[in-house]
Amino acid sequence: RQWRALNVAASEYAYWGQGTQVTVS
């Protein structure tokens, strides 16, 4: 986020990583 307070909404986050796959068998 661009702010200190935590948030549960994805739309409130400005910057994102590319992601990493987690697979549980």
PDB file of all heavy atoms in Angstrom:
ATOM      1  N   ARG A   1       0.838  -1.198   0.000  1.00  0.00           N
ATOM      2  CA  ARG A   1       0.000   0.000   0.000  1.00  0.00           C
ATOM      3  C   ARG A   1       0.867   1.239   0.000  1.00  0.00           C
ATOM      4  O   ARG A   1       2.078   1.186   0.245  1.00  0.00           O
ATOM      5  CB  ARG A   1      -0.900   0.050   1.231  1.00  0.00           C
ATOM      6  CG  ARG A   1      -2.013  -0.947   1.282  1.00  0.00           C
ATOM      7  CD  ARG A   1      -3.009  -0.545   2.369  1.00  0.00           C
ATOM      8  NE  ARG A   1      -3.946   0.460   1.875  1.00  0.00           N
ATOM      9  CZ  ARG A   1      -4.702   1.229   2.657  1.00  0.00           C
ATOM     10  NH1 ARG A   1      -4.613   1.137   3.973  1.00  0.00           N
ATOM     11  NH2 ARG A   1      -5.545   2.104   2.123  1.00  0.00           N
ATOM     12  N   GLN A   2       0.238   2.373  -0.230  1.00  0.00           N
ATOM     13  CA  GLN A   2       0.880   3.670  -0.094  1.00  0.00           C
ATOM     14  C   GLN A   2       0.567   4.292   1.267  1.00  0.00           C
ATOM     15  O   GLN A   2       0.879   5.456   1.501  1.00  0.00           O
ATOM     16  CB  GLN A   2       0.428   4.601  -1.214  1.00  0.00           C
ATOM     17  CG  GLN A   2       0.867   4.130  -2.593  1.00  0.00           C
ATOM     18  CD  GLN A   2       0.343   5.001  -3.696  1.00  0.00           C
ATOM     19  OE1 GLN A   2      -0.830   5.387  -3.704  1.00  0.00           O
ATOM     20  NE2 GLN A   2       1.205   5.316  -4.651  1.00  0.00           N
ATOM     21  N   TRP A   3      -0.026   3.493   2.189  1.00  0.00           N
ATOM     22  CA  TRP A   3      -0.424   3.967   3.499  1.00  0.00           C
ATOM     23  C   TRP A   3       0.010   2.984   4.574  1.00  0.00           C
ATOM     24  O   TRP A   3       0.354   1.843   4.289  1.00  0.00           O
ATOM     25  CB  TRP A   3      -1.944   4.158   3.562  1.00  0.00           C
ATOM     26  CG  TRP A   3      -2.458   5.034   2.478  1.00  0.00           C
ATOM     27  CD1 TRP A   3      -2.931   4.645   1.263  1.00  0.00           C
ATOM     28  CD2 TRP A   3      -2.531   6.469   2.500  1.00  0.00           C
ATOM     29  NE1 TRP A   3      -3.298   5.748   0.517  1.00  0.00           N
ATOM     30  CE2 TRP A   3      -3.065   6.869   1.248  1.00  0.00           C
ATOM     31  CE3 TRP A   3      -2.194   7.437   3.451  1.00  0.00           C
ATOM     32  CZ2 TRP A   3      -3.272   8.212   0.938  1.00  0.00           C
ATOM     33  CZ3 TRP A   3      -2.396   8.775   3.136  1.00  0.00           C
ATOM     34  CH2 TRP A   3      -2.940   9.136   1.891  1.00  0.00           C
ATOM     35  N   ARG A   4      -0.016   3.398   5.819  1.00  0.00           N
ATOM     36  CA  ARG A   4       0.437   2.578   6.934  1.00  0.00           C
ATOM     37  C   ARG A   4      -0.581   1.533   7.362  1.00  0.00           C
ATOM     38  O   ARG A   4      -0.207   0.438   7.785  1.00  0.00           O
ATOM     39  CB  ARG A   4       0.775   3.460   8.145  1.00  0.00           C
ATOM     40  CG  ARG A   4       1.910   4.426   7.923  1.00  0.00           C
ATOM     41  CD  ARG A   4       2.152   5.262   9.174  1.00  0.00           C
ATOM     42  NE  ARG A   4       2.697   4.474  10.265  1.00  0.00           N
ATOM     43  CZ  ARG A   4       3.994   4.322  10.480  1.00  0.00           C
ATOM     44  NH1 ARG A   4       4.888   4.886   9.689  1.00  0.00           N
ATOM     45  NH2 ARG A   4       4.402   3.588  11.509  1.00  0.00           N
ATOM     46  N   ALA A   5      -1.859   1.861   7.279  1.00  0.00           N
ATOM     47  CA  ALA A   5      -2.897   0.989   7.800  1.00  0.00           C
ATOM     48  C   ALA A   5      -3.075  -0.239   6.924  1.00  0.00           C
ATOM     49  O   ALA A   5      -3.092  -0.156   5.693  1.00  0.00           O
ATOM     50  CB  ALA A   5      -4.212   1.745   7.904  1.00  0.00           C
ATOM     51  N   LEU A   6      -3.246  -1.402   7.561  1.00  0.00           N
ATOM     52  CA  LEU A   6      -3.487  -2.626   6.807  1.00  0.00           C
ATOM     53  C   LEU A   6      -4.867  -2.596   6.163  1.00  0.00           C
ATOM     54  O   LEU A   6      -5.745  -1.835   6.565  1.00  0.00           O
ATOM     55  CB  LEU A   6      -3.332  -3.853   7.713  1.00  0.00           C
ATOM     56  CG  LEU A   6      -4.150  -3.944   9.004  1.00  0.00           C
ATOM     57  CD1 LEU A   6      -5.585  -4.364   8.733  1.00  0.00           C
ATOM     58  CD2 LEU A   6      -3.478  -4.930   9.955  1.00  0.00           C
ATOM     59  N   ASN A   7      -5.056  -3.450   5.147  1.00  0.00           N
ATOM     60  CA  ASN A   7      -6.324  -3.468   4.426  1.00  0.00           C
ATOM     61  C   ASN A   7      -6.516  -4.835   3.789  1.00  0.00           C
ATOM     62  O   ASN A   7      -5.543  -5.475   3.377  1.00  0.00           O
ATOM     63  CB  ASN A   7      -6.349  -2.373   3.361  1.00  0.00           C
ATOM     64  CG  ASN A   7      -7.747  -2.006   2.932  1.00  0.00           C
ATOM     65  OD1 ASN A   7      -8.397  -2.751   2.197  1.00  0.00           O
ATOM     66  ND2 ASN A   7      -8.221  -0.856   3.396  1.00  0.00           N
ATOM     67  N   VAL A   8      -7.755  -5.283   3.701  1.00  0.00           N
ATOM     68  CA  VAL A   8      -8.067  -6.596   3.136  1.00  0.00           C
ATOM     69  C   VAL A   8      -8.430  -6.536   1.659  1.00  0.00           C
ATOM     70  O   VAL A   8      -8.560  -7.583   1.017  1.00  0.00           O
ATOM     71  CB  VAL A   8      -9.210  -7.286   3.910  1.00  0.00           C
ATOM     72  CG1 VAL A   8      -8.871  -7.393   5.387  1.00  0.00           C
ATOM     73  CG2 VAL A   8     -10.530  -6.537   3.719  1.00  0.00           C
ATOM     74  N   ALA A   9      -8.585  -5.348   1.098  1.00  0.00           N
ATOM     75  CA  ALA A   9      -9.036  -5.198  -0.279  1.00  0.00           C
ATOM     76  C   ALA A   9      -7.856  -5.079  -1.228  1.00  0.00           C
ATOM     77  O   ALA A   9      -6.989  -4.219  -1.060  1.00  0.00           O
ATOM     78  CB  ALA A   9      -9.937  -3.981  -0.411  1.00  0.00           C
ATOM     79  N   ALA A  10      -7.837  -5.928  -2.246  1.00  0.00           N
ATOM     80  CA  ALA A  10      -6.758  -5.889  -3.225  1.00  0.00           C
ATOM     81  C   ALA A  10      -6.661  -4.539  -3.917  1.00  0.00           C
ATOM     82  O   ALA A  10      -5.558  -4.086  -4.250  1.00  0.00           O
ATOM     83  CB  ALA A  10      -6.951  -6.996  -4.258  1.00  0.00           C
ATOM     84  N   SER A  11      -7.799  -3.882  -4.106  1.00  0.00           N
ATOM     85  CA  SER A  11      -7.816  -2.600  -4.794  1.00  0.00           C
ATOM     86  C   SER A  11      -7.104  -1.499  -4.021  1.00  0.00           C
ATOM     87  O   SER A  11      -6.784  -0.457  -4.592  1.00  0.00           O
ATOM     88  CB  SER A  11      -9.262  -2.175  -5.083  1.00  0.00           C
ATOM     89  OG  SER A  11      -9.991  -2.011  -3.883  1.00  0.00           O
ATOM     90  N   GLU A  12      -6.852  -1.711  -2.748  1.00  0.00           N
ATOM     91  CA  GLU A  12      -6.174  -0.721  -1.919  1.00  0.00           C
ATOM     92  C   GLU A  12      -4.655  -0.813  -2.008  1.00  0.00           C
ATOM     93  O   GLU A  12      -3.970   0.033  -1.436  1.00  0.00           O
ATOM     94  CB  GLU A  12      -6.605  -0.863  -0.461  1.00  0.00           C
ATOM     95  CG  GLU A  12      -8.055  -0.477  -0.210  1.00  0.00           C
ATOM     96  CD  GLU A  12      -8.301   0.998  -0.444  1.00  0.00           C
ATOM     97  OE1 GLU A  12      -7.431   1.815  -0.066  1.00  0.00           O
ATOM     98  OE2 GLU A  12      -9.357   1.342  -1.008  1.00  0.00           O
ATOM     99  N   TYR A  13      -4.142  -1.783  -2.719  1.00  0.00           N
ATOM    100  CA  TYR A  13      -2.698  -1.976  -2.837  1.00  0.00           C
ATOM    101  C   TYR A  13      -2.210  -1.500  -4.195  1.00  0.00           C
ATOM    102  O   TYR A  13      -2.740  -1.901  -5.237  1.00  0.00           O
ATOM    103  CB  TYR A  13      -2.338  -3.439  -2.611  1.00  0.00           C
ATOM    104  CG  TYR A  13      -2.556  -3.869  -1.185  1.00  0.00           C
ATOM    105  CD1 TYR A  13      -3.820  -4.205  -0.723  1.00  0.00           C
ATOM    106  CD2 TYR A  13      -1.486  -3.917  -0.293  1.00  0.00           C
ATOM    107  CE1 TYR A  13      -4.021  -4.573   0.594  1.00  0.00           C
ATOM    108  CE2 TYR A  13      -1.679  -4.288   1.024  1.00  0.00           C
ATOM    109  CZ  TYR A  13      -2.955  -4.616   1.462  1.00  0.00           C
ATOM    110  OH  TYR A  13      -3.146  -4.988   2.766  1.00  0.00           O
ATOM    111  N   ALA A  14      -1.196  -0.663  -4.178  1.00  0.00           N
ATOM    112  CA  ALA A  14      -0.726  -0.015  -5.399  1.00  0.00           C
ATOM    113  C   ALA A  14       0.328  -0.816  -6.155  1.00  0.00           C
ATOM    114  O   ALA A  14       0.436  -0.699  -7.375  1.00  0.00           O
ATOM    115  CB  ALA A  14      -0.172   1.369  -5.068  1.00  0.00           C
ATOM    116  N   TYR A  15       1.107  -1.623  -5.441  1.00  0.00           N
ATOM    117  CA  TYR A  15       2.231  -2.326  -6.044  1.00  0.00           C
ATOM    118  C   TYR A  15       2.124  -3.816  -5.802  1.00  0.00           C
ATOM    119  O   TYR A  15       1.783  -4.251  -4.702  1.00  0.00           O
ATOM    120  CB  TYR A  15       3.555  -1.793  -5.482  1.00  0.00           C
ATOM    121  CG  TYR A  15       3.695  -0.305  -5.620  1.00  0.00           C
ATOM    122  CD1 TYR A  15       3.473   0.536  -4.541  1.00  0.00           C
ATOM    123  CD2 TYR A  15       4.039   0.268  -6.839  1.00  0.00           C
ATOM    124  CE1 TYR A  15       3.593   1.908  -4.664  1.00  0.00           C
ATOM    125  CE2 TYR A  15       4.155   1.637  -6.976  1.00  0.00           C
ATOM    126  CZ  TYR A  15       3.932   2.457  -5.880  1.00  0.00           C
ATOM    127  OH  TYR A  15       4.044   3.815  -6.018  1.00  0.00           O
ATOM    128  N   TRP A  16       2.452  -4.599  -6.833  1.00  0.00           N
ATOM    129  CA  TRP A  16       2.289  -6.048  -6.789  1.00  0.00           C
ATOM    130  C   TRP A  16       3.503  -6.766  -7.338  1.00  0.00           C
ATOM    131  O   TRP A  16       4.134  -6.311  -8.290  1.00  0.00           O
ATOM    132  CB  TRP A  16       1.061  -6.471  -7.606  1.00  0.00           C
ATOM    133  CG  TRP A  16      -0.227  -6.027  -6.999  1.00  0.00           C
ATOM    134  CD1 TRP A  16      -0.806  -4.801  -7.113  1.00  0.00           C
ATOM    135  CD2 TRP A  16      -1.088  -6.805  -6.176  1.00  0.00           C
ATOM    136  NE1 TRP A  16      -1.989  -4.765  -6.406  1.00  0.00           N
ATOM    137  CE2 TRP A  16      -2.184  -5.989  -5.828  1.00  0.00           C
ATOM    138  CE3 TRP A  16      -1.046  -8.122  -5.707  1.00  0.00           C
ATOM    139  CZ2 TRP A  16      -3.225  -6.446  -5.017  1.00  0.00           C
ATOM    140  CZ3 TRP A  16      -2.082  -8.575  -4.905  1.00  0.00           C
ATOM    141  CH2 TRP A  16      -3.152  -7.739  -4.573  1.00  0.00           C
ATOM    142  N   GLY A  17       3.814  -7.907  -6.726  1.00  0.00           N
ATOM    143  CA  GLY A  17       4.805  -8.790  -7.287  1.00  0.00           C
ATOM    144  C   GLY A  17       4.196  -9.677  -8.359  1.00  0.00           C
ATOM    145  O   GLY A  17       2.990  -9.634  -8.625  1.00  0.00           O
ATOM    146  N   GLN A  18       5.023 -10.495  -8.985  1.00  0.00           N
ATOM    147  CA  GLN A  18       4.580 -11.366 -10.064  1.00  0.00           C
ATOM    148  C   GLN A  18       3.921 -12.645  -9.563  1.00  0.00           C
ATOM    149  O   GLN A  18       3.225 -13.319 -10.326  1.00  0.00           O
ATOM    150  CB  GLN A  18       5.754 -11.719 -10.975  1.00  0.00           C
ATOM    151  CG  GLN A  18       6.282 -10.544 -11.780  1.00  0.00           C
ATOM    152  CD  GLN A  18       5.246  -9.993 -12.735  1.00  0.00           C
ATOM    153  OE1 GLN A  18       4.741  -8.899 -12.557  1.00  0.00           O
ATOM    154  NE2 GLN A  18       4.904 -10.768 -13.745  1.00  0.00           N
ATOM    155  N   GLY A  19       4.116 -12.982  -8.316  1.00  0.00           N
ATOM    156  CA  GLY A  19       3.495 -14.152  -7.734  1.00  0.00           C
ATOM    157  C   GLY A  19       4.394 -15.369  -7.743  1.00  0.00           C
ATOM    158  O   GLY A  19       5.300 -15.489  -8.558  1.00  0.00           O
ATOM    159  N   THR A  20       4.122 -16.293  -6.827  1.00  0.00           N
ATOM    160  CA  THR A  20       4.845 -17.550  -6.745  1.00  0.00           C
ATOM    161  C   THR A  20       3.851 -18.682  -6.518  1.00  0.00           C
ATOM    162  O   THR A  20       2.916 -18.552  -5.727  1.00  0.00           O
ATOM    163  CB  THR A  20       5.913 -17.501  -5.626  1.00  0.00           C
ATOM    164  OG1 THR A  20       6.680 -18.706  -5.638  1.00  0.00           O
ATOM    165  CG2 THR A  20       5.285 -17.310  -4.246  1.00  0.00           C
ATOM    166  N   GLN A  21       4.039 -19.781  -7.236  1.00  0.00           N
ATOM    167  CA  GLN A  21       3.099 -20.893  -7.195  1.00  0.00           C
ATOM    168  C   GLN A  21       3.317 -21.747  -5.958  1.00  0.00           C
ATOM    169  O   GLN A  21       4.443 -22.148  -5.655  1.00  0.00           O
ATOM    170  CB  GLN A  21       3.243 -21.757  -8.448  1.00  0.00           C
ATOM    171  CG  GLN A  21       2.353 -23.001  -8.461  1.00  0.00           C
ATOM    172  CD  GLN A  21       0.890 -22.663  -8.644  1.00  0.00           C
ATOM    173  OE1 GLN A  21       0.537 -21.870  -9.514  1.00  0.00           O
ATOM    174  NE2 GLN A  21       0.032 -23.269  -7.811  1.00  0.00           N
ATOM    175  N   VAL A  22       2.225 -22.038  -5.262  1.00  0.00           N
ATOM    176  CA  VAL A  22       2.228 -22.976  -4.149  1.00  0.00           C
ATOM    177  C   VAL A  22       1.275 -24.108  -4.498  1.00  0.00           C
ATOM    178  O   VAL A  22       0.101 -23.865  -4.784  1.00  0.00           O
ATOM    179  CB  VAL A  22       1.801 -22.313  -2.827  1.00  0.00           C
ATOM    180  CG1 VAL A  22       1.614 -23.361  -1.729  1.00  0.00           C
ATOM    181  CG2 VAL A  22       2.819 -21.265  -2.414  1.00  0.00           C
ATOM    182  N   THR A  23       1.774 -25.331  -4.490  1.00  0.00           N
ATOM    183  CA  THR A  23       0.959 -26.498  -4.790  1.00  0.00           C
ATOM    184  C   THR A  23       1.053 -27.480  -3.630  1.00  0.00           C
ATOM    185  O   THR A  23       2.150 -27.886  -3.242  1.00  0.00           O
ATOM    186  CB  THR A  23       1.416 -27.178  -6.083  1.00  0.00           C
ATOM    187  OG1 THR A  23       1.358 -26.240  -7.164  1.00  0.00           O
ATOM    188  CG2 THR A  23       0.521 -28.365  -6.406  1.00  0.00           C
ATOM    189  N   VAL A  24      -0.096 -27.855  -3.094  1.00  0.00           N
ATOM    190  CA  VAL A  24      -0.163 -28.775  -1.963  1.00  0.00           C
ATOM    191  C   VAL A  24      -0.835 -30.055  -2.429  1.00  0.00           C
ATOM    192  O   VAL A  24      -1.994 -30.039  -2.852  1.00  0.00           O
ATOM    193  CB  VAL A  24      -0.932 -28.173  -0.782  1.00  0.00           C
ATOM    194  CG1 VAL A  24      -0.890 -29.119   0.415  1.00  0.00           C
ATOM    195  CG2 VAL A  24      -0.360 -26.816  -0.409  1.00  0.00           C
ATOM    196  N   SER A  25      -0.127 -31.155  -2.360  1.00  0.00           N
ATOM    197  CA  SER A  25      -0.647 -32.438  -2.798  1.00  0.00           C
ATOM    198  C   SER A  25      -1.365 -33.138  -1.651  1.00  0.00           C
ATOM    199  O   SER A  25      -1.011 -32.977  -0.476  1.00  0.00           O
ATOM    200  CB  SER A  25       0.469 -33.323  -3.332  1.00  0.00           C
ATOM    201  OG  SER A  25       1.431 -33.599  -2.332  1.00  0.00           O
TER     202      SER A  25
END
